[in-house]
Amino acid sequence: MYMKNNKTKLFLLTALLMLVVSSCGESSLSSDNSISSSTYVSETTTAIVSTSDEQSSVESTEDSAAESLNESSAEPSTSESSAEIPSASTAPLVETLVRTIDFEELDAGNMSATHHNTYYDGLIVADGRVTTTKKTSIDNKSLGMRMPASTTEELRICTIKVSGYTKIVLDLKQERTHTRIKTNTGAIYQGTKNEDILRDVEILTTELTELVFTFYTETLISSTMDCGFDNIRFYALVEEGGLPPSSETPTSSEPISSSEETSTTSEIPTSVDGTYDYITMRDIAEFLQTKDAHYPISDAFIKEYQQKTGGYIDYARQLGKVVDKSICEPDQKWHFFDSWLYRTLEEGGITWTDSAKNRVYTKLLCPELLLWIYEACAAPEAKILAAYDAAVAGKEAGTHISTIAKNMRACVPWEDLEINIQYFLDNK
């Protein structure tokens, strides 16, 4: 009986080993185990129990092995599955022309750092003028940068925002060979002949947030000299086949903050320290920009006594503007800003922080312009009419213009202008 029990155990172990090697013999092994159990029914209870326990253990092991085998064949391993997922591909970046600035789009006018710096979303700030008349015009309209005579100190600056761009390409022109244009990259540009145009000048800007042009001379010059530039082309990296950034806003590697958005206001910017204890040229210009071009008292004077030649009249004719006193053209707002203020700023004869009382109220002499300023500043009408009478009397008598202006100031004190300008500044 002992031998038979050992034989039974041997069969069971053999069946288990064959199951691990191959599942093919599962049914036959189960059959053999069943026969072995039935052959020894007459054995003692202990033997039967022992055999039954061993058989139960084998069946349990077989079931577990079969389940493990089925699971391993039905599902791939995690490592194999992840290896088969392809990684996402990125479209290549290509240097692309994304923006062009051509001054044909702008009317002739000032582009100074303290006026109209909202052109092109504030992308360009320059102490220059869009012009068709200067020798530095590259095509129909260019941005002219004027270097004043008899100085090497009053430099003219143009700043172009280039954050997010890889390079810019532009055209440069200089009136004379002894003028220079340098940039904050260290490059210096100079024509080989008078009125030479340097076409398609390429400047890398990848590491820059702004490109600064300085227009200067190394020696004193006897008269003003002009430089100019135009056709500015901006390049940036764009996904191949993708759309370039909008031409209405500059490309930037970072979003524009709300504080940066508000800095490109159409108003004349405030002073560096923000406060002065007097009305500055910036203050009065900001105030007068909100005013009308025509008022009744100054227009009435113009229709009878408009300046005939010189000054703003000659400048208006040079630009092709209408000169007709019957319709009060050119208007006195244009006279103040375009003919006098911006040009004087360019030539270095005035700064934005100068006293408005000194430079406007005291030193301006043209009667029609003074009357317009009085009306725009809402001085008392009776006082303006008295100034009108003083101007008419002076014109009729052939009085010198400086004396006429002095007599007009006696009728309208500075305080009548100052109070309304200050109210505007306090409540803007």
Protein backbone atom coordinates (compact mmCIF):
# COMPACT_ATOMS: atom_id res chain seq x y z
CA MET A 1 0.00 0.00 0.00
CA TYR A 2 2.89 2.32 0.76
CA MET A 3 4.24 1.78 -2.73
CA LYS A 4 0.88 2.50 -4.24
CA ASN A 5 0.64 5.76 -2.34
CA ASN A 6 4.09 6.76 -3.51
CA LYS A 7 3.12 5.85 -7.02
CA THR A 8 0.10 8.03 -6.83
CA LYS A 9 2.21 10.95 -5.59
CA LEU A 10 4.66 10.41 -8.41
CA PHE A 11 1.90 10.57 -10.99
CA LEU A 12 0.56 13.78 -9.50
CA LEU A 13 3.97 15.46 -9.46
CA THR A 14 4.61 14.36 -13.03
CA ALA A 15 1.27 15.87 -14.09
CA LEU A 16 2.12 19.19 -12.43
CA LEU A 17 5.51 19.34 -14.14
CA MET A 18 4.00 18.66 -17.56
CA LEU A 19 1.40 21.40 -17.01
CA VAL A 20 4.09 24.01 -16.36
CA VAL A 21 6.01 22.96 -19.48
CA SER A 22 2.92 22.82 -21.72
CA SER A 23 -0.79 23.19 -21.30
CA CYS A 24 -1.43 20.68 -24.07
CA GLY A 25 -1.52 17.67 -21.73
CA GLU A 26 -3.95 19.22 -19.22
CA SER A 27 -6.91 16.93 -19.99
CA SER A 28 -4.87 13.71 -20.09
CA LEU A 29 -3.16 14.53 -16.82
CA SER A 30 -6.55 15.12 -15.20
CA SER A 31 -7.73 11.74 -16.56
CA ASP A 32 -4.69 9.94 -15.16
CA ASN A 33 -5.21 11.54 -11.78
CA SER A 34 -8.85 10.45 -11.81
CA ILE A 35 -7.94 6.82 -12.66
CA SER A 36 -5.29 6.73 -9.95
CA SER A 37 -7.82 7.83 -7.36
CA SER A 38 -10.44 5.24 -8.38
CA THR A 39 -7.98 2.32 -8.46
CA TYR A 40 -7.24 2.56 -4.76
CA VAL A 41 -10.75 2.89 -3.36
CA SER A 42 -10.20 -0.06 -0.99
CA GLU A 43 -7.33 1.59 0.80
CA THR A 44 -7.64 2.88 4.39
CA THR A 45 -9.39 6.14 5.18
CA THR A 46 -6.09 7.84 5.93
CA ALA A 47 -4.70 6.94 2.56
CA ILE A 48 -7.83 8.11 0.76
CA VAL A 49 -7.80 11.40 2.59
CA SER A 50 -4.12 11.90 1.79
CA THR A 51 -4.67 11.15 -1.88
CA SER A 52 -7.69 13.42 -2.05
CA ASP A 53 -5.78 16.31 -0.43
CA GLU A 54 -2.90 15.97 -2.86
CA GLN A 55 -5.28 15.78 -5.83
CA SER A 56 -7.14 18.86 -4.66
CA SER A 57 -3.84 20.72 -4.37
CA VAL A 58 -2.83 19.74 -7.89
CA GLU A 59 -6.18 20.85 -9.36
CA SER A 60 -5.90 24.19 -7.60
CA THR A 61 -2.38 24.64 -8.94
CA GLU A 62 -3.51 23.72 -12.46
CA ASP A 63 -6.34 26.26 -12.41
CA SER A 64 -4.03 29.01 -11.18
CA ALA A 65 -1.41 28.24 -13.82
CA ALA A 66 -4.02 28.16 -16.58
CA GLU A 67 -5.44 31.54 -15.56
CA SER A 68 -1.95 33.04 -15.46
CA LEU A 69 -1.19 31.65 -18.90
CA ASN A 70 -4.44 32.96 -20.39
CA GLU A 71 -3.89 36.45 -18.94
CA SER A 72 -0.33 36.65 -20.25
CA SER A 73 -1.41 35.72 -23.76
CA ALA A 74 -4.44 38.05 -23.82
CA GLU A 75 -2.82 41.37 -22.70
CA PRO A 76 0.52 42.86 -23.85
CA SER A 77 2.88 44.13 -21.16
CA THR A 78 2.83 47.82 -20.20
CA SER A 79 6.38 48.40 -21.40
CA GLU A 80 5.64 46.97 -24.84
CA SER A 81 2.43 49.01 -25.16
CA SER A 82 4.08 52.34 -24.31
CA ALA A 83 6.96 51.68 -26.67
CA GLU A 84 4.54 51.35 -29.58
CA ILE A 85 2.94 54.87 -29.11
CA PRO A 86 4.63 57.34 -31.49
CA SER A 87 5.79 60.70 -30.06
CA ALA A 88 4.10 63.91 -31.28
CA SER A 89 6.01 65.72 -34.02
CA THR A 90 6.55 69.52 -34.10
CA ALA A 91 6.35 71.55 -37.31
CA PRO A 92 9.70 73.18 -38.17
CA LEU A 93 10.07 76.94 -37.64
CA VAL A 94 10.91 79.08 -40.65
CA GLU A 95 12.15 82.70 -40.62
CA THR A 96 9.29 84.60 -42.23
CA LEU A 97 8.46 88.21 -43.09
CA VAL A 98 5.62 89.02 -40.69
CA ARG A 99 5.35 92.81 -40.74
CA THR A 100 6.28 95.82 -42.88
CA ILE A 101 6.26 99.52 -42.00
CA ASP A 102 6.03 101.84 -44.97
CA PHE A 103 5.55 105.51 -44.15
CA GLU A 104 3.31 105.91 -47.20
CA GLU A 105 0.54 105.00 -44.78
CA LEU A 106 1.10 108.13 -42.68
CA ASP A 107 0.40 111.76 -43.34
CA ALA A 108 3.38 114.08 -43.07
CA GLY A 109 3.80 114.90 -39.41
CA ASN A 110 5.84 114.59 -36.25
CA MET A 111 7.00 111.21 -34.91
CA SER A 112 8.82 112.50 -31.83
CA ALA A 113 9.24 110.44 -28.69
CA THR A 114 6.81 112.74 -26.95
CA HIS A 115 4.10 112.98 -29.59
CA HIS A 116 2.00 110.54 -31.64
CA ASN A 117 3.99 107.56 -30.43
CA THR A 118 0.98 105.32 -30.96
CA TYR A 119 1.88 104.93 -34.62
CA TYR A 120 2.12 101.19 -35.27
CA ASP A 121 1.03 100.37 -31.71
CA GLY A 122 3.97 102.25 -30.27
CA LEU A 123 6.41 100.02 -32.14
CA ILE A 124 8.40 103.04 -33.32
CA VAL A 125 9.29 106.11 -31.24
CA ALA A 126 11.43 108.72 -32.99
CA ASP A 127 12.49 112.37 -32.88
CA GLY A 128 11.68 112.76 -36.56
CA ARG A 129 9.05 113.69 -39.12
CA VAL A 130 7.27 111.80 -41.85
CA THR A 131 8.11 113.93 -44.86
CA THR A 132 7.94 114.23 -48.61
CA THR A 133 10.06 117.35 -48.90
CA LYS A 134 13.46 116.57 -47.40
CA LYS A 135 16.41 115.33 -49.39
CA THR A 136 16.42 112.17 -47.32
CA SER A 137 13.07 110.90 -48.63
CA ILE A 138 13.77 107.37 -49.88
CA ASP A 139 10.50 107.17 -51.76
CA ASN A 140 7.28 109.18 -51.70
CA LYS A 141 7.25 109.37 -47.89
CA SER A 142 10.07 108.55 -45.47
CA LEU A 143 10.87 109.19 -41.84
CA GLY A 144 13.36 112.06 -41.78
CA MET A 145 15.74 112.61 -38.84
CA ARG A 146 17.14 116.13 -38.64
CA MET A 147 20.51 116.94 -37.06
CA PRO A 148 20.65 120.60 -35.97
CA ALA A 149 23.46 122.89 -37.08
CA SER A 150 26.45 123.94 -34.96
CA THR A 151 26.22 121.10 -32.47
CA THR A 152 27.39 117.54 -32.01
CA GLU A 153 25.50 117.13 -28.76
CA GLU A 154 21.80 117.27 -29.75
CA LEU A 155 21.46 113.75 -31.09
CA ARG A 156 18.35 112.43 -32.79
CA ILE A 157 17.15 109.03 -31.67
CA CYS A 158 14.79 106.44 -33.13
CA THR A 159 13.79 103.34 -31.14
CA ILE A 160 12.15 100.31 -32.74
CA LYS A 161 10.70 97.53 -30.57
CA VAL A 162 12.03 94.18 -31.82
CA SER A 163 11.16 91.69 -29.06
CA GLY A 164 10.18 88.39 -30.70
CA TYR A 165 11.69 89.26 -34.08
CA THR A 166 14.81 87.59 -35.48
CA LYS A 167 15.89 90.45 -37.73
CA ILE A 168 14.78 93.61 -39.48
CA VAL A 169 15.66 94.81 -42.96
CA LEU A 170 15.35 98.49 -43.93
CA ASP A 171 16.54 101.26 -46.24
CA LEU A 172 18.73 104.13 -44.98
CA LYS A 173 19.61 107.46 -46.58
CA GLN A 174 21.92 110.33 -45.60
CA GLU A 175 21.97 113.84 -46.99
CA ARG A 176 25.75 114.19 -46.69
CA THR A 177 28.68 111.83 -46.34
CA HIS A 178 29.75 113.34 -43.00
CA THR A 179 26.55 112.26 -41.24
CA ARG A 180 26.44 108.98 -39.35
CA ILE A 181 23.85 106.47 -38.21
CA LYS A 182 24.83 104.07 -35.43
CA THR A 183 22.87 101.39 -33.59
CA ASN A 184 23.07 99.77 -30.18
CA THR A 185 24.47 96.68 -31.92
CA GLY A 186 27.70 98.63 -32.53
CA ALA A 187 27.17 99.03 -36.29
CA ILE A 188 27.75 102.42 -37.97
CA TYR A 189 26.27 103.31 -41.36
CA GLN A 190 27.62 106.02 -43.67
CA GLY A 191 26.90 106.81 -47.31
CA THR A 192 29.75 106.86 -49.83
CA LYS A 193 28.23 109.84 -51.63
CA ASN A 194 25.74 112.58 -50.87
CA GLU A 195 22.12 111.39 -50.79
CA ASP A 196 23.29 107.78 -50.97
CA ILE A 197 20.59 105.15 -50.27
CA LEU A 198 21.70 102.00 -48.46
CA ARG A 199 19.17 99.41 -49.57
CA ASP A 200 18.14 96.29 -47.65
CA VAL A 201 20.32 96.83 -44.60
CA GLU A 202 19.91 93.68 -42.48
CA ILE A 203 20.22 93.82 -38.68
CA LEU A 204 19.92 90.74 -36.47
CA THR A 205 17.67 91.34 -33.45
CA THR A 206 17.23 87.90 -31.83
CA GLU A 207 18.90 88.93 -28.56
CA LEU A 208 17.38 92.44 -28.47
CA THR A 209 14.17 93.89 -27.10
CA GLU A 210 14.67 97.19 -28.92
CA LEU A 211 16.87 98.54 -31.68
CA VAL A 212 18.13 102.10 -31.15
CA PHE A 213 19.30 104.30 -34.05
CA THR A 214 21.32 107.43 -33.29
CA PHE A 215 21.71 110.08 -36.00
CA TYR A 216 24.75 112.31 -35.51
CA THR A 217 27.80 114.08 -36.91
CA GLU A 218 31.33 114.02 -35.53
CA THR A 219 32.06 117.61 -36.56
CA LEU A 220 30.04 120.82 -36.39
CA ILE A 221 27.88 121.51 -39.43
CA SER A 222 26.88 124.93 -40.74
CA SER A 223 23.26 123.99 -41.47
CA THR A 224 20.82 121.27 -40.51
CA MET A 225 21.45 117.88 -42.08
CA ASP A 226 18.89 115.14 -42.58
CA CYS A 227 19.02 111.37 -42.50
CA GLY A 228 16.12 109.07 -43.16
CA PHE A 229 14.89 105.51 -43.25
CA ASP A 230 11.96 103.60 -44.66
CA ASN A 231 10.54 100.23 -45.74
CA ILE A 232 11.19 98.47 -42.43
CA ARG A 233 10.61 94.72 -42.65
CA PHE A 234 10.28 92.51 -39.57
CA TYR A 235 11.11 88.80 -39.60
CA ALA A 236 10.16 86.16 -37.00
CA LEU A 237 10.19 82.38 -36.63
CA VAL A 238 6.85 80.94 -37.72
CA GLU A 239 5.75 77.30 -38.02
CA GLU A 240 6.11 76.09 -41.59
CA GLY A 241 2.76 76.37 -43.28
CA GLY A 242 1.35 78.38 -40.36
CA LEU A 243 -0.05 81.88 -40.40
CA PRO A 244 2.24 84.79 -39.47
CA PRO A 245 1.30 87.04 -36.54
CA SER A 246 -1.21 89.81 -37.21
CA SER A 247 0.30 92.88 -38.87
CA GLU A 248 -1.66 95.08 -36.49
CA THR A 249 0.29 94.09 -33.39
CA PRO A 250 3.99 93.48 -32.79
CA THR A 251 5.19 89.91 -32.41
CA SER A 252 6.37 89.27 -28.87
CA SER A 253 7.70 86.30 -26.96
CA GLU A 254 5.70 87.42 -23.95
CA PRO A 255 2.13 88.75 -23.59
CA ILE A 256 1.71 92.49 -23.26
CA SER A 257 0.78 93.45 -19.73
CA SER A 258 -1.98 95.92 -18.98
CA SER A 259 0.61 98.48 -17.93
CA GLU A 260 2.38 98.12 -21.28
CA GLU A 261 -0.92 98.52 -23.11
CA THR A 262 -1.72 101.77 -21.35
CA SER A 263 1.75 103.17 -22.10
CA THR A 264 0.89 103.45 -25.81
CA THR A 265 -1.64 106.22 -25.28
CA SER A 266 -2.45 108.76 -27.97
CA GLU A 267 -1.91 111.60 -25.49
CA ILE A 268 1.40 113.38 -25.09
CA PRO A 269 3.22 111.41 -22.34
CA THR A 270 3.81 113.01 -18.98
CA SER A 271 7.21 114.24 -17.86
CA VAL A 272 9.85 111.91 -16.51
CA ASP A 273 9.26 112.81 -12.87
CA GLY A 274 5.57 113.50 -13.53
CA THR A 275 5.24 116.86 -11.74
CA TYR A 276 6.40 120.45 -12.17
CA ASP A 277 5.47 123.57 -10.26
CA TYR A 278 4.57 125.36 -13.51
CA ILE A 279 2.67 124.68 -16.75
CA THR A 280 5.10 123.00 -19.14
CA MET A 281 5.08 122.93 -22.91
CA ARG A 282 3.91 119.35 -22.67
CA ASP A 283 1.01 120.44 -20.47
CA ILE A 284 -0.23 123.19 -22.74
CA ALA A 285 0.20 121.04 -25.86
CA GLU A 286 -1.80 118.24 -24.28
CA PHE A 287 -4.52 120.74 -23.41
CA LEU A 288 -4.62 122.48 -26.81
CA GLN A 289 -4.76 119.18 -28.69
CA THR A 290 -8.30 118.76 -27.35
CA LYS A 291 -9.42 122.12 -28.77
CA ASP A 292 -11.09 123.18 -32.03
CA ALA A 293 -9.17 124.43 -35.06
CA HIS A 294 -11.39 127.50 -35.46
CA TYR A 295 -12.89 130.05 -33.06
CA PRO A 296 -14.93 133.14 -34.03
CA ILE A 297 -12.77 136.02 -32.80
CA SER A 298 -9.48 134.73 -34.22
CA ASP A 299 -11.22 133.75 -37.49
CA ALA A 300 -12.69 137.28 -37.79
CA PHE A 301 -9.19 138.73 -37.42
CA ILE A 302 -7.72 136.31 -40.00
CA LYS A 303 -10.30 137.27 -42.64
CA GLU A 304 -9.06 140.84 -42.51
CA TYR A 305 -5.47 140.72 -41.30
CA GLN A 306 -3.98 137.29 -41.96
CA GLN A 307 -0.19 137.28 -42.28
CA LYS A 308 0.64 137.52 -46.00
CA THR A 309 4.06 135.86 -46.24
CA GLY A 310 6.78 134.26 -44.12
CA GLY A 311 6.46 131.93 -41.15
CA TYR A 312 3.56 129.51 -41.15
CA ILE A 313 2.18 130.89 -44.43
CA ASP A 314 5.30 130.01 -46.41
CA TYR A 315 5.52 126.60 -44.70
CA ALA A 316 1.90 125.84 -45.58
CA ARG A 317 2.54 126.71 -49.23
CA GLN A 318 5.66 124.53 -49.20
CA LEU A 319 3.54 121.58 -48.11
CA GLY A 320 0.83 122.33 -50.63
CA LYS A 321 -1.76 123.34 -48.03
CA VAL A 322 -4.58 125.72 -48.85
CA VAL A 323 -3.75 129.34 -47.99
CA ASP A 324 -6.96 131.37 -48.12
CA LYS A 325 -7.90 133.95 -45.50
CA SER A 326 -11.55 133.96 -46.62
CA ILE A 327 -11.92 130.46 -45.17
CA CYS A 328 -9.33 131.00 -42.41
CA GLU A 329 -6.83 128.51 -43.76
CA PRO A 330 -4.38 127.36 -42.70
CA ASP A 331 -6.04 127.10 -39.29
CA GLN A 332 -4.29 128.24 -36.14
CA LYS A 333 -4.25 124.82 -34.47
CA TRP A 334 -2.13 123.56 -37.36
CA HIS A 335 -0.08 126.77 -37.07
CA PHE A 336 0.63 126.12 -33.38
CA PHE A 337 1.44 122.41 -33.59
CA ASP A 338 2.76 121.54 -37.05
CA SER A 339 4.28 124.80 -38.17
CA TRP A 340 5.73 126.03 -34.89
CA LEU A 341 5.88 123.55 -31.98
CA TYR A 342 6.97 120.31 -33.66
CA ARG A 343 9.47 121.99 -35.94
CA THR A 344 10.98 123.97 -33.07
CA LEU A 345 11.27 120.79 -31.02
CA GLU A 346 13.06 119.06 -33.90
CA GLU A 347 15.50 121.92 -34.28
CA GLY A 348 16.27 121.89 -30.58
CA GLY A 349 14.91 125.37 -29.96
CA ILE A 350 12.48 124.20 -27.31
CA THR A 351 11.92 121.27 -24.94
CA TRP A 352 8.77 119.71 -23.52
CA THR A 353 9.67 120.83 -20.02
CA ASP A 354 10.09 124.52 -20.88
CA SER A 355 7.69 126.98 -19.29
CA ALA A 356 4.52 127.48 -21.35
CA LYS A 357 4.12 130.96 -19.89
CA ASN A 358 7.55 131.94 -21.17
CA ARG A 359 7.56 130.16 -24.54
CA VAL A 360 3.90 130.52 -25.56
CA TYR A 361 2.29 133.39 -23.67
CA THR A 362 5.29 135.73 -23.63
CA LYS A 363 7.35 134.92 -26.74
CA LEU A 364 4.79 134.12 -29.44
CA LEU A 365 4.05 137.26 -31.47
CA CYS A 366 1.60 136.37 -34.27
CA PRO A 367 -1.72 138.13 -33.44
CA GLU A 368 -4.04 135.52 -35.04
CA LEU A 369 -2.25 132.71 -33.21
CA LEU A 370 -2.41 134.52 -29.86
CA LEU A 371 -6.14 135.19 -30.31
CA TRP A 372 -6.73 131.48 -31.07
CA ILE A 373 -4.78 130.48 -27.94
CA TYR A 374 -6.82 132.88 -25.80
CA GLU A 375 -10.07 131.45 -27.16
CA ALA A 376 -8.92 127.83 -26.88
CA CYS A 377 -7.95 128.48 -23.24
CA ALA A 378 -11.43 129.98 -22.59
CA ALA A 379 -10.20 133.33 -21.32
CA PRO A 380 -13.04 135.81 -20.57
CA GLU A 381 -14.57 136.93 -23.86
CA ALA A 382 -14.44 140.63 -22.96
CA LYS A 383 -10.69 140.40 -22.47
CA ILE A 384 -10.24 138.52 -25.76
CA LEU A 385 -12.23 141.21 -27.58
CA ALA A 386 -10.00 143.86 -26.01
CA ALA A 387 -6.95 141.95 -27.30
CA TYR A 388 -8.62 141.78 -30.72
CA ASP A 389 -9.06 145.58 -30.74
CA ALA A 390 -5.41 146.03 -29.74
CA ALA A 391 -4.31 143.77 -32.60
CA VAL A 392 -6.48 145.58 -35.14
CA ALA A 393 -5.25 148.97 -33.97
CA GLY A 394 -1.67 147.82 -34.25
CA LYS A 395 -2.15 146.43 -37.75
CA GLU A 396 -3.85 149.62 -38.94
CA ALA A 397 -1.11 151.80 -37.47
CA GLY A 398 1.72 149.62 -38.78
CA THR A 399 2.97 148.98 -35.24
CA HIS A 400 5.82 146.51 -34.82
CA ILE A 401 4.52 142.99 -34.17
CA SER A 402 6.32 142.66 -30.82
CA THR A 403 4.53 145.79 -29.57
CA ILE A 404 1.17 144.46 -30.78
CA ALA A 405 1.77 141.21 -28.85
CA LYS A 406 2.74 143.18 -25.75
CA ASN A 407 -0.47 145.23 -25.95
CA MET A 408 -2.53 142.03 -26.36
CA ARG A 409 -0.92 140.47 -23.28
CA ALA A 410 -1.92 143.55 -21.31
CA CYS A 411 -5.55 142.71 -22.12
CA VAL A 412 -5.38 138.97 -21.32
CA PRO A 413 -3.17 138.04 -18.33
CA TRP A 414 -1.49 134.65 -18.12
CA GLU A 415 -3.59 133.70 -15.10
CA ASP A 416 -6.73 133.63 -17.29
CA LEU A 417 -5.13 130.91 -19.39
CA GLU A 418 -3.38 129.08 -16.58
CA ILE A 419 -6.50 128.47 -14.51
CA ASN A 420 -8.26 126.49 -17.25
CA ILE A 421 -5.16 124.56 -18.31
CA GLN A 422 -4.54 123.56 -14.69
CA TYR A 423 -8.17 122.51 -14.25
CA PHE A 424 -7.81 120.26 -17.30
CA LEU A 425 -4.59 118.72 -15.98
CA ASP A 426 -6.09 118.10 -12.55
CA ASN A 427 -9.14 116.34 -13.96
CA LYS A 428 -7.87 114.42 -16.98
